[in-house]
Each structure stands twice: as C-alpha cells, then as structure tokens.
Amino acid sequence: MLTAFARWIWEQSRRKETQSEHHGGKAVIRALRKTCVFFRLVCPIRVQKAIRRSEYTELAALFGLQFMALGIWVVPLSAVLYAHQLQDIRPYAFATSAVAAFVSPLIFGAMADHHASPVKVLRWLSVASAAAMLIVAWSIQNGWPGGLVLLLIQLYALCSAPTASISTAIIFSRLGNSRSEYGPVRAGATFGWMCGCWLISALHADASTLAQYIGAAVWLTMAAFTLLLPSVNPPMPTHRLSWKQRLGWDALTLLRNPDHRVVFITAALYSIPLAAFYAFTPPHLQQLGFHRLSAWMTLGQIMEILTLLALGRVLLRWRLKWIFLTALGFGVVRFALCALNNRAGLLAGILLHGLCYALYFITAQIYLDERVEVAWRARAQALMSLMTSGVGNLIGYLGTGWWLNACTQSNGVQWTLFWGGLSTAVGGVMIYFLSAYRGKRAGGETQ
C-alpha cells in the first residue's frame, strides 16, 4: 500500500514536471529536481529512492525466478538423461530448445507487441512450462521410450523458449536508462540461475528427476508473481495485420540495417561454440574428479554477476564495438584455458564464461533497446533469441556433438583438441565482427 501511494505521488510530480518542461523550463526543472527543491512536499527524494528500489527489486525478482527455472532444467539435464539410460538422445534433447527458438519466440513476441499484455503472455507461458516439465519428469521416471521423452522435451522447449525475450522486453519498458540500470537488474537473473543450481546440488538431485519437479514448482511461482506486475496493454494496430506480422516474421526486416545484421549474425556464430560449454563441460569436470557438478558450473555465474554490476560504468566509458570485441577476445582465452585439460584451467575457463556471456549478449540486448523503435522491441529481442537459441544452438549442439565424436579415441576424449578447435572458431568470429561492424547511428554518431 505504501509503495502504491508513493508511486502515485511520483506520477503526479512527473506530470507536473512534464508540463513545466513543455513550457520551456527543462533545464531549470532538472536542476531543481536534483536539489529536491521542485515540489518538495509532493516529490521528496526519499520517496523517489523508495520507488526505484522497490521497482528494481521487483524486476530483479522476475528475472531471478525465470532463470532459476531455466537453470534447474538445463544444467542437470545431461546427467539426468544419462542416469536413466537415455544418453543417446542427449544432443537432440539440447537441440529441442534451438528448434523451439525458430518458432515460438517470434510468434509470442509479435503477440506481446500487437495483441496481449506481455505480462499476461508471460504468465500463461510459465504455467504451460510447469505442466510440460512435470510431464517430462514423470515420463523419464517411468521409463518411457527415448523418442517419446524427446517429443515431450520439445513440448517443454516450445513453452519456455519465448519467456526470456518477453521478460526482457517487459523489464526494458520499465527502465529509464537501460545502459546504467539494466546490468544490476539482469544480475538478478544470474543469481536466480545460481540458486537453482545450488539447490539441486544441495538436494543431491544432479542426476534425479527431482530437479524437474522442483523446476516446475519454480515456474508456477513465477506465474503467480506476474500477478503483482502492472499489466501494460500493447498499442492498438492502426491497420490490418498480415500473417507475416502475426507470426513475427516481419522482425527479419531488422536485418536490413548493416550494424543490426552484424550484431545478430555474430551472436548466432558466438552461440555455436558456446553450446559445447553447457553440454560438455559437466562430463569434463566429472572426468577430472569433480562432484556436485551443478554447483561447480555456477563459477561462471559468479563472474557474470560481477560483470553485470560493473557493466553500467563500462557502457558509459567504452564504445559498444570495443565491449563486443572484448567479449569475443575473452571467449578465445576461455576455450584455450579449457584446452589445458587440467583442473585449474577448466575452472578458469568456467569462470571466464560469465564475463564473455555478459559482455556480448547482455550488451546486445541493451544495444537493441537503444537502437530499435519501441514498437519493434519485443520482436527484436525475440529475433535475438531466434539467432542465439535457434540458429546458434541448433548448429552448436549438433555440430559440437559431431566435433566431440571426432575428438574421441579409444582412450577417451581428446579435450585439448576439442576445446582448442572451439577457441580457434571464436577467433574467426572475432575477425568477422572486427571487419564488418561500423557502429553508426542514423545521425552518424559512432557507437
């Protein structure tokens, strides 16, 4: 109640401030607002800070619940399938998310842009994800055939794939300055992922279907949490929508912009070797004598949180081009460290994963929020999901699975060759980005 009252006070002050700015007092109003002279009784600084703090907590909690559910699904999946004699479908099980990314994110992104409140879309997708995860867990536990289990995993992927882009669009719509504010909020997602992995390891469920049952409960909790979020209706269409627009495929027109195209293509290419990290780092850890694999994998998320907390300052001081290149450069180093094939090198590679991921993929989300028109932003984030989780992951899971088999000999996997090849591949992606990206806004400003 207090937060709602404070929000109402802030909205009244903003309305008065907007009216005053419209009459030419913009600079004066900003100066007064900073010193808290402007409408001192109506908009005190303490009320403003309370509103922002509560709003940040709300947005971070939304991200945290979503990525906790995603982490509980992704990280133990390989071990769960292996423990239930379903190891043959592991590459295809991970590839289901890529197949889903070709379909559902753009469709539901278009729905959030044109037809329904993004919050409502996210709520029902969370309920559907929970139901699908429960069915998958029950089928694995009861020894269903691998082909049928794979179809159910695909059903879950279709339900969960759009949630990341829709929640990202919701959060960006409520931020005043995405460059300085998005990083700390996005850290909530990484912390949620870590908590999910810690919980699974603490319950000794790294290879148990209990992980999926817990994940379903988290999805239902998230669905309930969305009831607390304000429901923002999409703008009414001014013309009849074509089937291409309803399915979200009009988002492909964003690729006509040269810099957009480079960012999207680089994201897809960078996701190809990244797929190997999720699928094949746990068995490498296990071979080197590690236990509680889900917990060890969270080393990358620790570095990711630190990077996200510093990202706002980095974005204010560096050009986007150099941030993207730094991410790609650390990607080369990360796989090179894994190629050392020892405990210290592999742990260092896992640690660098968070830095590489945040500097490229989170910066790319901020780039889209700044450079794409408001009416296209949900579809832009959905297109990014298609390029990374769809194109990149599909080629990545199947391609790196083939590469792993090529690097496997009678005495086991040649991890130095495997990770070294992926390091070389990232180096090629880095050369492509350096040669193709120009970083020019429509007005000619360098980015």
Protein backbone atom coordinates (compact mmCIF):
# COMPACT_ATOMS: atom_id res chain seq x y z
CA MET A 1 0.00 0.00 0.00
CA LEU A 2 2.81 2.41 0.94
CA THR A 3 4.64 1.63 -2.29
CA ALA A 4 1.49 2.21 -4.34
CA PHE A 5 0.89 5.57 -2.60
CA ALA A 6 4.49 6.59 -3.18
CA ARG A 7 4.23 5.61 -6.86
CA TRP A 8 1.08 7.77 -7.19
CA ILE A 9 2.90 10.75 -5.68
CA TRP A 10 5.80 10.26 -8.09
CA GLU A 11 3.48 10.05 -11.09
CA GLN A 12 1.78 13.33 -10.09
CA SER A 13 5.15 15.05 -9.80
CA ARG A 14 6.29 13.70 -13.15
CA ARG A 15 3.08 15.02 -14.78
CA LYS A 16 3.74 18.49 -13.38
CA GLU A 17 7.38 18.31 -14.39
CA THR A 18 6.43 17.34 -17.94
CA GLN A 19 4.02 20.26 -18.17
CA SER A 20 6.67 22.65 -16.93
CA GLU A 21 9.27 21.31 -19.35
CA HIS A 22 6.84 21.72 -22.20
CA HIS A 23 6.70 25.46 -21.44
CA GLY A 24 10.45 25.90 -21.73
CA GLY A 25 11.77 25.29 -18.21
CA LYS A 26 13.51 21.99 -18.88
CA ALA A 27 16.96 22.92 -17.58
CA VAL A 28 15.57 24.71 -14.53
CA ILE A 29 13.26 21.84 -13.63
CA ARG A 30 16.07 19.31 -13.85
CA ALA A 31 18.30 21.40 -11.61
CA LEU A 32 15.52 21.86 -9.04
CA ARG A 33 14.71 18.17 -9.14
CA LYS A 34 18.32 17.24 -8.38
CA THR A 35 18.37 19.51 -5.32
CA CYS A 36 14.90 18.38 -4.23
CA VAL A 37 13.50 21.93 -4.26
CA PHE A 38 10.98 21.17 -7.00
CA PHE A 39 7.68 20.19 -5.37
CA ARG A 40 9.46 19.42 -2.10
CA LEU A 41 6.31 18.23 -0.34
CA VAL A 42 4.98 16.35 -3.34
CA CYS A 43 8.09 14.51 -4.53
CA PRO A 44 10.69 14.08 -1.79
CA ILE A 45 13.94 12.34 -2.67
CA ARG A 46 13.29 9.58 -0.14
CA VAL A 47 10.02 8.68 -1.87
CA GLN A 48 11.77 8.59 -5.25
CA LYS A 49 14.51 6.32 -3.92
CA ALA A 50 11.96 4.03 -2.25
CA ILE A 51 10.07 3.70 -5.53
CA ARG A 52 13.16 2.95 -7.58
CA ARG A 53 14.49 0.47 -5.02
CA SER A 54 11.20 -1.43 -4.82
CA GLU A 55 10.86 -1.42 -8.61
CA TYR A 56 14.41 -2.73 -9.10
CA THR A 57 13.72 -5.48 -6.56
CA GLU A 58 10.52 -6.42 -8.36
CA LEU A 59 12.22 -6.61 -11.77
CA ALA A 60 15.24 -8.50 -10.43
CA ALA A 61 12.91 -10.99 -8.72
CA LEU A 62 11.09 -11.58 -12.01
CA PHE A 63 14.38 -12.32 -13.76
CA GLY A 64 15.58 -14.41 -10.80
CA LEU A 65 12.58 -16.74 -10.78
CA GLN A 66 12.66 -17.23 -14.53
CA PHE A 67 16.36 -18.06 -14.74
CA MET A 68 16.19 -20.25 -11.65
CA ALA A 69 13.68 -22.41 -13.53
CA LEU A 70 15.80 -22.37 -16.69
CA GLY A 71 18.98 -23.27 -14.78
CA ILE A 72 17.27 -26.14 -12.95
CA TRP A 73 16.30 -27.51 -16.36
CA VAL A 74 19.49 -27.00 -18.40
CA VAL A 75 22.35 -27.79 -16.03
CA PRO A 76 21.32 -31.25 -14.70
CA LEU A 77 19.57 -32.40 -17.90
CA SER A 78 22.57 -34.25 -19.35
CA ALA A 79 23.22 -36.14 -16.10
CA VAL A 80 19.51 -36.96 -15.64
CA LEU A 81 19.24 -38.48 -19.12
CA TYR A 82 22.45 -40.47 -18.64
CA ALA A 83 21.29 -41.82 -15.28
CA HIS A 84 18.07 -43.11 -16.88
CA GLN A 85 19.80 -44.78 -19.87
CA LEU A 86 18.73 -42.05 -22.26
CA GLN A 87 22.24 -40.82 -23.11
CA ASP A 88 21.67 -41.41 -26.83
CA ILE A 89 19.12 -38.58 -27.03
CA ARG A 90 21.24 -36.02 -25.14
CA PRO A 91 22.39 -33.98 -28.18
CA TYR A 92 18.85 -33.95 -29.56
CA ALA A 93 17.37 -33.06 -26.16
CA PHE A 94 19.54 -29.93 -26.01
CA ALA A 95 18.74 -29.17 -29.64
CA THR A 96 14.99 -29.01 -28.87
CA SER A 97 15.46 -25.52 -27.43
CA ALA A 98 17.03 -24.49 -30.72
CA VAL A 99 14.13 -25.92 -32.73
CA ALA A 100 11.65 -24.12 -30.45
CA ALA A 101 13.54 -20.85 -30.85
CA PHE A 102 12.78 -20.90 -34.58
CA VAL A 103 9.05 -20.87 -33.86
CA SER A 104 7.69 -19.67 -30.55
CA PRO A 105 9.73 -16.55 -29.58
CA LEU A 106 8.78 -14.59 -32.72
CA ILE A 107 5.12 -15.67 -32.51
CA PHE A 108 4.74 -14.76 -28.85
CA GLY A 109 6.91 -11.66 -29.29
CA ALA A 110 4.51 -10.47 -32.00
CA MET A 111 1.61 -11.28 -29.69
CA ALA A 112 3.18 -9.14 -26.95
CA ASP A 113 3.73 -6.28 -29.44
CA HIS A 114 0.27 -6.39 -31.05
CA HIS A 115 -2.38 -8.39 -29.22
CA ALA A 116 -1.98 -9.03 -25.48
CA SER A 117 -0.21 -7.65 -22.46
CA PRO A 118 3.35 -9.07 -22.29
CA VAL A 119 2.77 -9.81 -18.60
CA LYS A 120 -0.25 -12.00 -19.38
CA VAL A 121 1.61 -13.78 -22.17
CA LEU A 122 4.49 -14.49 -19.78
CA ARG A 123 2.10 -15.75 -17.09
CA TRP A 124 0.45 -18.38 -19.27
CA LEU A 125 3.74 -19.47 -20.79
CA SER A 126 5.04 -20.04 -17.25
CA VAL A 127 2.04 -22.23 -16.41
CA ALA A 128 2.47 -24.19 -19.65
CA SER A 129 6.20 -24.64 -18.95
CA ALA A 130 5.46 -26.00 -15.49
CA ALA A 131 2.94 -28.51 -16.85
CA ALA A 132 5.30 -29.66 -19.61
CA MET A 133 8.22 -30.06 -17.19
CA LEU A 134 6.09 -32.21 -14.88
CA ILE A 135 5.14 -34.49 -17.79
CA VAL A 136 8.79 -34.81 -18.86
CA ALA A 137 9.90 -35.72 -15.32
CA TRP A 138 7.13 -38.31 -14.97
CA SER A 139 7.92 -39.90 -18.34
CA ILE A 140 11.64 -40.21 -17.57
CA GLN A 141 10.94 -41.58 -14.12
CA ASN A 142 8.61 -44.24 -15.52
CA GLY A 143 10.96 -45.40 -18.26
CA TRP A 144 9.11 -44.20 -21.34
CA PRO A 145 10.82 -44.74 -24.73
CA GLY A 146 13.50 -42.24 -25.67
CA GLY A 147 11.65 -40.98 -28.74
CA LEU A 148 8.53 -40.15 -26.73
CA VAL A 149 10.58 -38.47 -24.00
CA LEU A 150 12.28 -36.38 -26.68
CA LEU A 151 8.89 -35.24 -28.05
CA LEU A 152 7.84 -34.16 -24.54
CA ILE A 153 11.12 -32.28 -24.07
CA GLN A 154 10.36 -30.50 -27.35
CA LEU A 155 6.92 -29.54 -25.97
CA TYR A 156 8.58 -28.02 -22.90
CA ALA A 157 11.04 -26.14 -25.10
CA LEU A 158 8.22 -24.62 -27.16
CA CYS A 159 6.60 -23.31 -23.96
CA SER A 160 9.73 -21.97 -22.26
CA ALA A 161 11.68 -20.58 -25.24
CA PRO A 162 9.75 -17.26 -25.56
CA THR A 163 9.90 -16.38 -21.86
CA ALA A 164 13.41 -14.88 -21.89
CA SER A 165 12.75 -12.37 -24.67
CA ILE A 166 9.32 -11.38 -23.31
CA SER A 167 10.56 -10.81 -19.75
CA THR A 168 13.49 -8.81 -21.16
CA ALA A 169 11.08 -6.60 -23.13
CA ILE A 170 8.93 -6.10 -20.01
CA ILE A 171 11.93 -5.03 -17.95
CA PHE A 172 13.35 -2.68 -20.59
CA SER A 173 9.94 -0.97 -20.85
CA ARG A 174 10.17 -0.01 -17.17
CA LEU A 175 13.75 1.26 -17.13
CA GLY A 176 14.57 4.91 -17.60
CA ASN A 177 18.21 4.41 -18.62
CA SER A 178 18.96 0.91 -19.87
CA ARG A 179 22.73 1.44 -20.02
CA SER A 180 23.13 2.17 -16.32
CA GLU A 181 20.12 0.30 -14.90
CA TYR A 182 19.81 -2.97 -16.82
CA GLY A 183 23.05 -4.60 -15.63
CA PRO A 184 22.20 -4.71 -11.90
CA VAL A 185 18.64 -5.89 -12.67
CA ARG A 186 19.94 -8.60 -15.01
CA ALA A 187 22.26 -9.74 -12.21
CA GLY A 188 19.09 -10.99 -10.51
CA ALA A 189 18.68 -13.49 -13.35
CA THR A 190 22.20 -14.81 -12.88
CA PHE A 191 21.72 -15.07 -9.13
CA GLY A 192 18.48 -16.99 -9.70
CA TRP A 193 20.30 -19.42 -12.02
CA MET A 194 22.99 -19.93 -9.36
CA CYS A 195 20.43 -20.51 -6.60
CA GLY A 196 18.69 -23.12 -8.74
CA CYS A 197 21.97 -24.98 -9.32
CA TRP A 198 22.95 -24.77 -5.65
CA LEU A 199 19.54 -26.09 -4.62
CA ILE A 200 19.80 -29.08 -6.96
CA SER A 201 23.29 -29.96 -5.73
CA ALA A 202 22.29 -29.48 -2.08
CA LEU A 203 19.44 -31.97 -2.56
CA HIS A 204 21.74 -34.40 -4.42
CA ALA A 205 19.39 -34.16 -7.40
CA ASP A 206 22.04 -33.57 -10.09
CA ALA A 207 21.04 -36.82 -11.81
CA SER A 208 17.48 -37.14 -10.49
CA THR A 209 14.07 -36.23 -11.91
CA LEU A 210 13.54 -34.36 -8.63
CA ALA A 211 15.28 -31.47 -10.41
CA GLN A 212 12.45 -31.25 -12.96
CA TYR A 213 9.77 -31.40 -10.27
CA ILE A 214 11.45 -28.52 -8.43
CA GLY A 215 11.75 -26.59 -11.72
CA ALA A 216 8.01 -26.97 -12.33
CA ALA A 217 7.30 -25.52 -8.88
CA VAL A 218 9.52 -22.52 -9.69
CA TRP A 219 7.64 -21.93 -12.96
CA LEU A 220 4.32 -21.89 -11.07
CA THR A 221 5.80 -19.46 -8.53
CA MET A 222 6.81 -17.18 -11.37
CA ALA A 223 3.30 -17.34 -12.87
CA ALA A 224 1.89 -16.26 -9.51
CA PHE A 225 4.50 -13.49 -9.23
CA THR A 226 3.39 -11.93 -12.53
CA LEU A 227 0.05 -11.14 -10.86
CA LEU A 228 1.93 -8.45 -8.92
CA LEU A 229 3.26 -6.76 -12.06
CA PRO A 230 1.44 -3.87 -13.77
CA SER A 231 -0.27 -5.03 -16.95
CA VAL A 232 0.63 -2.80 -19.90
CA ASN A 233 -1.56 -3.23 -22.97
CA PRO A 234 0.15 -3.18 -26.38
CA PRO A 235 -0.60 -0.32 -28.79
CA MET A 236 -3.67 -0.89 -30.94
CA PRO A 237 -2.74 -1.67 -34.54
CA THR A 238 -3.65 1.09 -36.98
CA HIS A 239 -4.09 -1.34 -39.88
CA ARG A 240 -4.99 -4.93 -40.55
CA LEU A 241 -2.10 -7.22 -39.63
CA SER A 242 -0.76 -9.66 -42.18
CA TRP A 243 0.03 -13.26 -41.32
CA LYS A 244 3.72 -12.39 -41.56
CA GLN A 245 3.23 -9.75 -38.85
CA ARG A 246 1.10 -12.05 -36.70
CA LEU A 247 3.79 -14.73 -36.81
CA GLY A 248 6.52 -12.17 -36.06
CA TRP A 249 8.50 -12.81 -39.24
CA ASP A 250 8.42 -9.11 -40.08
CA ALA A 251 11.17 -8.81 -37.44
CA LEU A 252 13.56 -10.11 -40.10
CA THR A 253 13.43 -6.63 -41.69
CA LEU A 254 15.70 -5.52 -38.84
CA LEU A 255 18.50 -7.38 -40.62
CA ARG A 256 18.46 -4.76 -43.36
CA ASN A 257 20.36 -2.43 -41.03
CA PRO A 258 24.08 -3.28 -41.50
CA ASP A 259 25.05 -2.96 -37.83
CA HIS A 260 21.96 -4.82 -36.62
CA ARG A 261 22.80 -7.59 -39.06
CA VAL A 262 26.39 -7.88 -37.80
CA VAL A 263 25.27 -7.96 -34.14
CA PHE A 264 22.65 -10.65 -34.84
CA ILE A 265 24.95 -12.81 -37.00
CA THR A 266 27.84 -12.52 -34.54
CA ALA A 267 25.51 -13.56 -31.71
CA ALA A 268 24.48 -16.64 -33.69
CA LEU A 269 28.07 -17.56 -34.56
CA TYR A 270 29.27 -16.99 -30.98
CA SER A 271 26.49 -19.26 -29.70
CA ILE A 272 27.78 -22.23 -31.72
CA PRO A 273 30.89 -22.96 -29.58
CA LEU A 274 29.02 -21.71 -26.51
CA ALA A 275 26.63 -24.67 -26.85
CA ALA A 276 29.52 -27.01 -26.12
CA PHE A 277 30.10 -25.29 -22.78
CA TYR A 278 26.66 -26.26 -21.45
CA ALA A 279 26.60 -29.78 -22.86
CA PHE A 280 30.18 -30.99 -22.42
CA THR A 281 31.78 -29.08 -19.53
CA PRO A 282 29.96 -31.22 -16.88
CA PRO A 283 31.35 -34.53 -18.22
CA HIS A 284 34.82 -32.97 -18.46
CA LEU A 285 34.53 -31.87 -14.82
CA GLN A 286 33.44 -35.36 -13.86
CA GLN A 287 36.38 -36.92 -15.71
CA LEU A 288 38.77 -34.65 -13.78
CA GLY A 289 37.33 -35.88 -10.47
CA PHE A 290 34.81 -33.16 -9.58
CA HIS A 291 31.49 -33.87 -7.85
CA ARG A 292 28.37 -31.69 -7.35
CA LEU A 293 28.71 -30.56 -10.95
CA SER A 294 25.78 -28.11 -10.90
CA ALA A 295 27.43 -26.16 -8.10
CA TRP A 296 30.83 -26.01 -9.84
CA MET A 297 29.19 -24.72 -13.00
CA THR A 298 27.95 -21.65 -11.08
CA LEU A 299 31.51 -20.25 -11.01
CA GLY A 300 30.66 -18.70 -14.36
CA GLN A 301 27.58 -17.04 -12.89
CA ILE A 302 29.63 -15.51 -10.06
CA MET A 303 31.80 -13.73 -12.62
CA GLU A 304 28.71 -12.84 -14.63
CA ILE A 305 27.15 -11.05 -11.64
CA LEU A 306 30.34 -9.06 -11.03
CA THR A 307 30.45 -8.13 -14.72
CA LEU A 308 26.80 -7.07 -14.76
CA LEU A 309 27.25 -4.85 -11.72
CA ALA A 310 30.13 -3.08 -13.49
CA LEU A 311 28.50 -3.04 -16.93
CA GLY A 312 26.76 0.31 -16.45
CA ARG A 313 30.08 2.10 -15.88
CA VAL A 314 31.70 0.26 -18.79
CA LEU A 315 28.89 1.24 -21.16
CA LEU A 316 29.31 4.90 -20.21
CA ARG A 317 33.06 4.87 -20.93
CA TRP A 318 33.57 2.44 -23.81
CA ARG A 319 32.22 2.25 -27.31
CA LEU A 320 29.90 -0.68 -27.89
CA LYS A 321 32.27 -2.01 -30.55
CA TRP A 322 35.12 -2.43 -28.07
CA ILE A 323 32.84 -4.07 -25.50
CA PHE A 324 31.72 -6.62 -28.09
CA LEU A 325 35.32 -7.26 -29.16
CA THR A 326 36.46 -7.68 -25.56
CA ALA A 327 33.78 -10.32 -25.05
CA LEU A 328 34.93 -12.21 -28.15
CA GLY A 329 38.58 -11.94 -27.12
CA PHE A 330 37.89 -13.41 -23.70
CA GLY A 331 35.93 -16.15 -25.48
CA VAL A 332 39.13 -17.18 -27.27
CA VAL A 333 41.03 -17.21 -23.97
CA ARG A 334 38.24 -19.09 -22.16
CA PHE A 335 38.31 -22.11 -24.51
CA ALA A 336 42.12 -22.01 -24.64
CA LEU A 337 42.19 -22.41 -20.84
CA CYS A 338 39.78 -25.35 -21.05
CA ALA A 339 42.12 -26.90 -23.63
CA LEU A 340 44.84 -27.16 -20.96
CA ASN A 341 42.88 -30.22 -19.74
CA ASN A 342 43.63 -29.76 -16.05
CA ARG A 343 41.52 -28.78 -13.06
CA ALA A 344 42.80 -25.20 -12.76
CA GLY A 345 42.46 -24.48 -16.48
CA LEU A 346 38.92 -25.84 -16.70
CA LEU A 347 37.77 -23.91 -13.62
CA ALA A 348 39.35 -20.72 -15.03
CA GLY A 349 37.51 -21.32 -18.30
CA ILE A 350 34.22 -21.74 -16.45
CA LEU A 351 34.92 -18.53 -14.52
CA LEU A 352 35.55 -16.56 -17.72
CA HIS A 353 32.27 -17.83 -19.20
CA GLY A 354 30.30 -15.29 -17.16
CA LEU A 355 32.47 -12.42 -18.38
CA CYS A 356 32.18 -13.48 -22.03
CA TYR A 357 28.42 -14.00 -21.83
CA ALA A 358 27.58 -10.74 -20.10
CA LEU A 359 29.83 -8.51 -22.20
CA TYR A 360 28.40 -9.72 -25.50
CA PHE A 361 24.84 -10.98 -25.05
CA ILE A 362 23.67 -8.55 -22.36
CA THR A 363 25.29 -5.63 -24.20
CA ALA A 364 23.50 -6.82 -27.36
CA GLN A 365 20.15 -6.66 -25.54
CA ILE A 366 20.92 -3.10 -24.44
CA TYR A 367 22.00 -2.26 -27.99
CA LEU A 368 18.61 -3.42 -29.33
CA ASP A 369 16.72 -1.45 -26.69
CA GLU A 370 18.57 1.72 -27.69
CA ARG A 371 18.71 1.29 -31.45
CA VAL A 372 15.30 -0.28 -32.28
CA GLU A 373 11.97 1.59 -32.25
CA VAL A 374 9.67 0.97 -29.28
CA ALA A 375 7.01 -0.82 -31.33
CA TRP A 376 9.57 -3.38 -32.51
CA ARG A 377 11.45 -4.10 -29.28
CA ALA A 378 9.70 -7.30 -28.19
CA ARG A 379 10.19 -8.72 -31.69
CA ALA A 380 13.81 -7.54 -31.75
CA GLN A 381 14.55 -9.39 -28.51
CA ALA A 382 12.67 -12.41 -29.91
CA LEU A 383 14.79 -12.29 -33.07
CA MET A 384 17.90 -12.29 -30.89
CA SER A 385 16.55 -15.42 -29.17
CA LEU A 386 15.99 -17.00 -32.58
CA MET A 387 19.55 -16.22 -33.71
CA THR A 388 21.20 -17.43 -30.48
CA SER A 389 18.94 -20.14 -29.07
CA GLY A 390 17.73 -21.16 -32.53
CA VAL A 391 20.37 -20.86 -35.23
CA GLY A 392 23.40 -20.81 -32.93
CA ASN A 393 22.33 -23.54 -30.54
CA LEU A 394 20.96 -25.89 -33.20
CA ILE A 395 24.21 -25.79 -35.15
CA GLY A 396 26.15 -25.72 -31.89
CA TYR A 397 24.63 -28.75 -30.16
CA LEU A 398 24.69 -30.90 -33.29
CA GLY A 399 27.97 -29.54 -34.66
CA THR A 400 29.93 -29.68 -31.40
CA GLY A 401 28.45 -33.13 -30.76
CA TRP A 402 29.96 -34.22 -34.07
CA TRP A 403 33.23 -32.49 -33.16
CA LEU A 404 33.30 -34.30 -29.80
CA ASN A 405 32.89 -37.65 -31.55
CA ALA A 406 35.69 -36.69 -33.96
CA CYS A 407 37.92 -35.91 -30.98
CA THR A 408 37.10 -39.18 -29.19
CA GLN A 409 39.60 -42.03 -29.45
CA SER A 410 39.88 -45.41 -27.80
CA ASN A 411 41.42 -43.85 -24.67
CA GLY A 412 38.70 -41.19 -24.33
CA VAL A 413 38.01 -37.63 -25.44
CA GLN A 414 40.99 -35.55 -26.54
CA TRP A 415 39.89 -32.47 -24.64
CA THR A 416 42.86 -30.35 -25.72
CA LEU A 417 41.92 -30.81 -29.36
CA PHE A 418 38.21 -30.35 -28.67
CA TRP A 419 38.43 -27.07 -26.75
CA GLY A 420 41.32 -25.80 -28.87
CA GLY A 421 39.21 -26.12 -32.00
CA LEU A 422 36.43 -24.12 -30.39
CA SER A 423 38.92 -21.41 -29.36
CA THR A 424 40.01 -21.12 -32.99
CA ALA A 425 36.38 -20.88 -34.09
CA VAL A 426 35.73 -17.95 -31.73
CA GLY A 427 38.81 -16.26 -33.12
CA GLY A 428 37.23 -16.46 -36.58
CA VAL A 429 34.01 -14.88 -35.24
CA MET A 430 36.09 -12.07 -33.73
CA ILE A 431 37.75 -11.35 -37.08
CA TYR A 432 34.33 -11.22 -38.81
CA PHE A 433 32.92 -8.74 -36.27
CA LEU A 434 36.01 -6.52 -36.39
CA SER A 435 35.81 -6.26 -40.16
CA ALA A 436 32.03 -5.84 -40.53
CA TYR A 437 30.75 -3.71 -37.63
CA ARG A 438 30.78 0.07 -38.13
CA GLY A 439 28.78 1.32 -35.13
CA LYS A 440 27.00 4.24 -36.72
CA ARG A 441 23.63 5.59 -35.63
CA ALA A 442 21.24 7.11 -38.12
CA GLY A 443 22.61 10.55 -37.25
CA GLY A 444 26.21 9.46 -37.80
CA GLU A 445 27.15 9.13 -34.12
CA THR A 446 29.79 6.45 -33.50
CA GLN A 447 28.81 3.61 -31.19
